[in-house]
Amino acid sequence: MKFSQADRCSYHHYRPILAQEMADALATESLRRLEPVWCPISGGWHIWAPELERGTITSLDRL
């Protein structure tokens, strides 16, 4: 599955819902600038950049 074709999570600002393997691969490719975050709402993984997004995505901070 392509990142752009992934289902979206409406609770978390329409972030892609990813399989753990894909989220981990993206984190590795980004040299860990991106981090996978488990989403209990969607039952999948989101990826985010905590250094850039901290304080802007409060719904992810609550997880």
PDB file of N, CA and C in Angstrom:
ATOM      1  N   MET A   1       0.829  -1.172   0.000  1.00  0.00           N
ATOM      2  CA  MET A   1       0.000   0.000   0.000  1.00  0.00           C
ATOM      3  C   MET A   1       0.880   1.245   0.000  1.00  0.00           C
ATOM      4  N   LYS A   2       0.472   2.242  -0.761  1.00  0.00           N
ATOM      5  CA  LYS A   2       1.184   3.508  -0.773  1.00  0.00           C
ATOM      6  C   LYS A   2       0.701   4.379   0.377  1.00  0.00           C
ATOM      7  N   PHE A   3       1.606   5.167   0.905  1.00  0.00           N
ATOM      8  CA  PHE A   3       1.287   6.083   2.000  1.00  0.00           C
ATOM      9  C   PHE A   3       0.094   6.963   1.630  1.00  0.00           C
ATOM     10  N   SER A   4       0.093   7.476   0.407  1.00  0.00           N
ATOM     11  CA  SER A   4      -0.971   8.391  -0.022  1.00  0.00           C
ATOM     12  C   SER A   4      -2.314   7.701  -0.201  1.00  0.00           C
ATOM     13  N   GLN A   5      -2.327   6.380  -0.305  1.00  0.00           N
ATOM     14  CA  GLN A   5      -3.570   5.641  -0.497  1.00  0.00           C
ATOM     15  C   GLN A   5      -4.100   5.022   0.795  1.00  0.00           C
ATOM     16  N   ALA A   6      -3.427   5.246   1.894  1.00  0.00           N
ATOM     17  CA  ALA A   6      -3.849   4.663   3.173  1.00  0.00           C
ATOM     18  C   ALA A   6      -5.165   5.286   3.629  1.00  0.00           C
ATOM     19  N   ASP A   7      -5.963   4.501   4.339  1.00  0.00           N
ATOM     20  CA  ASP A   7      -7.165   5.043   4.968  1.00  0.00           C
ATOM     21  C   ASP A   7      -6.752   6.152   5.925  1.00  0.00           C
ATOM     22  N   ARG A   8      -7.679   7.048   6.221  1.00  0.00           N
ATOM     23  CA  ARG A   8      -7.386   8.207   7.069  1.00  0.00           C
ATOM     24  C   ARG A   8      -8.172   8.147   8.376  1.00  0.00           C
ATOM     25  N   CYS A   9      -7.582   8.695   9.410  1.00  0.00           N
ATOM     26  CA  CYS A   9      -8.184   8.727  10.744  1.00  0.00           C
ATOM     27  C   CYS A   9      -8.789  10.113  10.978  1.00  0.00           C
ATOM     28  N   SER A  10     -10.098  10.197  11.009  1.00  0.00           N
ATOM     29  CA  SER A  10     -10.745  11.502  11.190  1.00  0.00           C
ATOM     30  C   SER A  10     -10.491  12.073  12.583  1.00  0.00           C
ATOM     31  N   TYR A  11     -10.278  11.232  13.562  1.00  0.00           N
ATOM     32  CA  TYR A  11     -10.031  11.706  14.926  1.00  0.00           C
ATOM     33  C   TYR A  11      -8.689  12.428  15.037  1.00  0.00           C
ATOM     34  N   HIS A  12      -7.708  11.981  14.281  1.00  0.00           N
ATOM     35  CA  HIS A  12      -6.360  12.565  14.331  1.00  0.00           C
ATOM     36  C   HIS A  12      -6.039  13.339  13.059  1.00  0.00           C
ATOM     37  N   HIS A  13      -6.897  14.278  12.734  1.00  0.00           N
ATOM     38  CA  HIS A  13      -6.634  15.225  11.648  1.00  0.00           C
ATOM     39  C   HIS A  13      -6.379  14.538  10.307  1.00  0.00           C
ATOM     40  N   TYR A  14      -7.053  13.435  10.056  1.00  0.00           N
ATOM     41  CA  TYR A  14      -6.977  12.685   8.797  1.00  0.00           C
ATOM     42  C   TYR A  14      -5.570  12.186   8.479  1.00  0.00           C
ATOM     43  N   ARG A  15      -4.855  11.820   9.518  1.00  0.00           N
ATOM     44  CA  ARG A  15      -3.545  11.191   9.310  1.00  0.00           C
ATOM     45  C   ARG A  15      -3.750   9.806   8.717  1.00  0.00           C
ATOM     46  N   PRO A  16      -2.799   9.351   7.907  1.00  0.00           N
ATOM     47  CA  PRO A  16      -2.897   7.992   7.361  1.00  0.00           C
ATOM     48  C   PRO A  16      -2.866   6.944   8.474  1.00  0.00           C
ATOM     49  N   ILE A  17      -3.647   5.905   8.297  1.00  0.00           N
ATOM     50  CA  ILE A  17      -3.645   4.754   9.202  1.00  0.00           C
ATOM     51  C   ILE A  17      -2.731   3.712   8.567  1.00  0.00           C
ATOM     52  N   LEU A  18      -1.637   3.395   9.235  1.00  0.00           N
ATOM     53  CA  LEU A  18      -0.607   2.536   8.664  1.00  0.00           C
ATOM     54  C   LEU A  18      -0.472   1.232   9.438  1.00  0.00           C
ATOM     55  N   ALA A  19       0.043   0.223   8.752  1.00  0.00           N
ATOM     56  CA  ALA A  19       0.461  -1.007   9.426  1.00  0.00           C
ATOM     57  C   ALA A  19       1.756  -0.693  10.176  1.00  0.00           C
ATOM     58  N   GLN A  20       2.011  -1.421  11.236  1.00  0.00           N
ATOM     59  CA  GLN A  20       3.201  -1.164  12.048  1.00  0.00           C
ATOM     60  C   GLN A  20       4.478  -1.255  11.215  1.00  0.00           C
ATOM     61  N   GLU A  21       4.547  -2.211  10.307  1.00  0.00           N
ATOM     62  CA  GLU A  21       5.748  -2.377   9.483  1.00  0.00           C
ATOM     63  C   GLU A  21       6.017  -1.135   8.641  1.00  0.00           C
ATOM     64  N   MET A  22       4.954  -0.556   8.066  1.00  0.00           N
ATOM     65  CA  MET A  22       5.123   0.628   7.237  1.00  0.00           C
ATOM     66  C   MET A  22       5.519   1.833   8.092  1.00  0.00           C
ATOM     67  N   ALA A  23       4.899   1.993   9.251  1.00  0.00           N
ATOM     68  CA  ALA A  23       5.241   3.100  10.147  1.00  0.00           C
ATOM     69  C   ALA A  23       6.698   2.985  10.609  1.00  0.00           C
ATOM     70  N   ASP A  24       7.129   1.780  10.947  1.00  0.00           N
ATOM     71  CA  ASP A  24       8.518   1.570  11.369  1.00  0.00           C
ATOM     72  C   ASP A  24       9.492   1.853  10.227  1.00  0.00           C
ATOM     73  N   ALA A  25       9.136   1.444   9.018  1.00  0.00           N
ATOM     74  CA  ALA A  25      10.003   1.685   7.861  1.00  0.00           C
ATOM     75  C   ALA A  25      10.144   3.184   7.594  1.00  0.00           C
ATOM     76  N   LEU A  26       9.056   3.926   7.700  1.00  0.00           N
ATOM     77  CA  LEU A  26       9.125   5.377   7.507  1.00  0.00           C
ATOM     78  C   LEU A  26       9.973   6.040   8.589  1.00  0.00           C
ATOM     79  N   ALA A  27       9.848   5.580   9.813  1.00  0.00           N
ATOM     80  CA  ALA A  27      10.660   6.123  10.905  1.00  0.00           C
ATOM     81  C   ALA A  27      12.145   5.849  10.658  1.00  0.00           C
ATOM     82  N   THR A  28      12.464   4.657  10.218  1.00  0.00           N
ATOM     83  CA  THR A  28      13.854   4.301   9.924  1.00  0.00           C
ATOM     84  C   THR A  28      14.401   5.144   8.777  1.00  0.00           C
ATOM     85  N   GLU A  29      13.609   5.284   7.705  1.00  0.00           N
ATOM     86  CA  GLU A  29      14.036   6.081   6.548  1.00  0.00           C
ATOM     87  C   GLU A  29      14.286   7.538   6.922  1.00  0.00           C
ATOM     88  N   SER A  30      13.539   8.039   7.876  1.00  0.00           N
ATOM     89  CA  SER A  30      13.671   9.443   8.278  1.00  0.00           C
ATOM     90  C   SER A  30      14.770   9.652   9.319  1.00  0.00           C
ATOM     91  N   LEU A  31      15.519   8.595   9.605  1.00  0.00           N
ATOM     92  CA  LEU A  31      16.550   8.636  10.645  1.00  0.00           C
ATOM     93  C   LEU A  31      15.946   8.982  12.005  1.00  0.00           C
ATOM     94  N   ARG A  32      14.752   8.483  12.214  1.00  0.00           N
ATOM     95  CA  ARG A  32      13.994   8.645  13.466  1.00  0.00           C
ATOM     96  C   ARG A  32      13.539  10.077  13.730  1.00  0.00           C
ATOM     97  N   ARG A  33      13.543  10.915  12.681  1.00  0.00           N
ATOM     98  CA  ARG A  33      12.932  12.238  12.833  1.00  0.00           C
ATOM     99  C   ARG A  33      11.421  12.102  12.915  1.00  0.00           C
ATOM    100  N   LEU A  34      10.911  11.053  12.296  1.00  0.00           N
ATOM    101  CA  LEU A  34       9.493  10.707  12.404  1.00  0.00           C
ATOM    102  C   LEU A  34       9.362   9.572  13.398  1.00  0.00           C
ATOM    103  N   GLU A  35       8.240   9.542  14.091  1.00  0.00           N
ATOM    104  CA  GLU A  35       8.001   8.480  15.070  1.00  0.00           C
ATOM    105  C   GLU A  35       6.646   7.837  14.813  1.00  0.00           C
ATOM    106  N   PRO A  36       6.582   6.509  14.927  1.00  0.00           N
ATOM    107  CA  PRO A  36       5.282   5.849  14.848  1.00  0.00           C
ATOM    108  C   PRO A  36       4.529   6.017  16.167  1.00  0.00           C
ATOM    109  N   VAL A  37       3.227   6.207  16.066  1.00  0.00           N
ATOM    110  CA  VAL A  37       2.374   6.368  17.242  1.00  0.00           C
ATOM    111  C   VAL A  37       1.166   5.454  17.065  1.00  0.00           C
ATOM    112  N   TRP A  38       0.911   4.583  18.041  1.00  0.00           N
ATOM    113  CA  TRP A  38      -0.244   3.685  18.000  1.00  0.00           C
ATOM    114  C   TRP A  38      -1.523   4.495  18.198  1.00  0.00           C
ATOM    115  N   CYS A  39      -2.532   4.198  17.418  1.00  0.00           N
ATOM    116  CA  CYS A  39      -3.823   4.872  17.531  1.00  0.00           C
ATOM    117  C   CYS A  39      -4.885   3.857  17.944  1.00  0.00           C
ATOM    118  N   PRO A  40      -5.357   3.914  19.179  1.00  0.00           N
ATOM    119  CA  PRO A  40      -6.390   2.978  19.613  1.00  0.00           C
ATOM    120  C   PRO A  40      -7.749   3.265  18.974  1.00  0.00           C
ATOM    121  N   ILE A  41      -7.922   4.456  18.432  1.00  0.00           N
ATOM    122  CA  ILE A  41      -9.183   4.817  17.777  1.00  0.00           C
ATOM    123  C   ILE A  41      -9.317   4.065  16.455  1.00  0.00           C
ATOM    124  N   SER A  42      -8.264   4.103  15.640  1.00  0.00           N
ATOM    125  CA  SER A  42      -8.307   3.477  14.315  1.00  0.00           C
ATOM    126  C   SER A  42      -7.793   2.043  14.319  1.00  0.00           C
ATOM    127  N   GLY A  43      -7.054   1.679  15.361  1.00  0.00           N
ATOM    128  CA  GLY A  43      -6.464   0.346  15.403  1.00  0.00           C
ATOM    129  C   GLY A  43      -5.265   0.205  14.493  1.00  0.00           C
ATOM    130  N   GLY A  44      -4.627   1.327  14.181  1.00  0.00           N
ATOM    131  CA  GLY A  44      -3.444   1.312  13.326  1.00  0.00           C
ATOM    132  C   GLY A  44      -2.404   2.278  13.857  1.00  0.00           C
ATOM    133  N   TRP A  45      -1.435   2.582  13.026  1.00  0.00           N
ATOM    134  CA  TRP A  45      -0.317   3.442  13.415  1.00  0.00           C
ATOM    135  C   TRP A  45      -0.342   4.727  12.607  1.00  0.00           C
ATOM    136  N   HIS A  46       0.030   5.829  13.248  1.00  0.00           N
ATOM    137  CA  HIS A  46       0.254   7.101  12.577  1.00  0.00           C
ATOM    138  C   HIS A  46       1.748   7.383  12.663  1.00  0.00           C
ATOM    139  N   ILE A  47       2.196   8.274  11.809  1.00  0.00           N
ATOM    140  CA  ILE A  47       3.585   8.713  11.848  1.00  0.00           C
ATOM    141  C   ILE A  47       3.563  10.230  12.025  1.00  0.00           C
ATOM    142  N   TRP A  48       4.446  10.739  12.876  1.00  0.00           N
ATOM    143  CA  TRP A  48       4.479  12.179  13.071  1.00  0.00           C
ATOM    144  C   TRP A  48       5.879  12.636  13.401  1.00  0.00           C
ATOM    145  N   ALA A  49       6.113  13.939  13.286  1.00  0.00           N
ATOM    146  CA  ALA A  49       7.416  14.543  13.574  1.00  0.00           C
ATOM    147  C   ALA A  49       7.292  15.303  14.892  1.00  0.00           C
ATOM    148  N   PRO A  50       7.618  14.667  16.010  1.00  0.00           N
ATOM    149  CA  PRO A  50       7.368  15.289  17.316  1.00  0.00           C
ATOM    150  C   PRO A  50       8.101  16.608  17.534  1.00  0.00           C
ATOM    151  N   GLU A  51       9.291  16.761  16.981  1.00  0.00           N
ATOM    152  CA  GLU A  51      10.034  18.015  17.177  1.00  0.00           C
ATOM    153  C   GLU A  51       9.372  19.176  16.453  1.00  0.00           C
ATOM    154  N   LEU A  52       8.707  18.901  15.355  1.00  0.00           N
ATOM    155  CA  LEU A  52       8.045  19.952  14.587  1.00  0.00           C
ATOM    156  C   LEU A  52       6.596  20.150  14.998  1.00  0.00           C
ATOM    157  N   GLU A  53       5.956  19.098  15.465  1.00  0.00           N
ATOM    158  CA  GLU A  53       4.523  19.135  15.692  1.00  0.00           C
ATOM    159  C   GLU A  53       4.106  19.211  17.153  1.00  0.00           C
ATOM    160  N   ARG A  54       5.027  19.151  18.065  1.00  0.00           N
ATOM    161  CA  ARG A  54       4.659  19.161  19.482  1.00  0.00           C
ATOM    162  C   ARG A  54       3.849  20.416  19.795  1.00  0.00           C
ATOM    163  N   GLY A  55       2.729  20.203  20.448  1.00  0.00           N
ATOM    164  CA  GLY A  55       1.857  21.312  20.792  1.00  0.00           C
ATOM    165  C   GLY A  55       0.852  21.667  19.722  1.00  0.00           C
ATOM    166  N   THR A  56       1.032  21.152  18.523  1.00  0.00           N
ATOM    167  CA  THR A  56       0.084  21.457  17.457  1.00  0.00           C
ATOM    168  C   THR A  56      -0.906  20.330  17.243  1.00  0.00           C
ATOM    169  N   ILE A  57      -0.557  19.137  17.667  1.00  0.00           N
ATOM    170  CA  ILE A  57      -1.434  17.988  17.467  1.00  0.00           C
ATOM    171  C   ILE A  57      -1.780  17.441  18.836  1.00  0.00           C
ATOM    172  N   THR A  58      -2.660  18.128  19.489  1.00  0.00           N
ATOM    173  CA  THR A  58      -2.975  17.768  20.862  1.00  0.00           C
ATOM    174  C   THR A  58      -3.648  16.419  20.956  1.00  0.00           C
ATOM    175  N   SER A  59      -4.368  16.020  19.916  1.00  0.00           N
ATOM    176  CA  SER A  59      -5.033  14.721  19.997  1.00  0.00           C
ATOM    177  C   SER A  59      -4.017  13.584  20.002  1.00  0.00           C
ATOM    178  N   LEU A  60      -2.866  13.744  19.354  1.00  0.00           N
ATOM    179  CA  LEU A  60      -1.829  12.720  19.417  1.00  0.00           C
ATOM    180  C   LEU A  60      -1.136  12.760  20.770  1.00  0.00           C
ATOM    181  N   ASP A  61      -0.991  13.937  21.348  1.00  0.00           N
ATOM    182  CA  ASP A  61      -0.373  14.046  22.669  1.00  0.00           C
ATOM    183  C   ASP A  61      -1.185  13.318  23.734  1.00  0.00           C
ATOM    184  N   ARG A  62      -2.489  13.183  23.531  1.00  0.00           N
ATOM    185  CA  ARG A  62      -3.343  12.530  24.518  1.00  0.00           C
ATOM    186  C   ARG A  62      -3.192  11.019  24.509  1.00  0.00           C
ATOM    187  N   LEU A  63      -2.615  10.453  23.465  1.00  0.00           N
ATOM    188  CA  LEU A  63      -2.512   8.991  23.378  1.00  0.00           C
ATOM    189  C   LEU A  63      -1.420   8.466  24.272  1.00  0.00           C
TER     190      LEU A  63
END
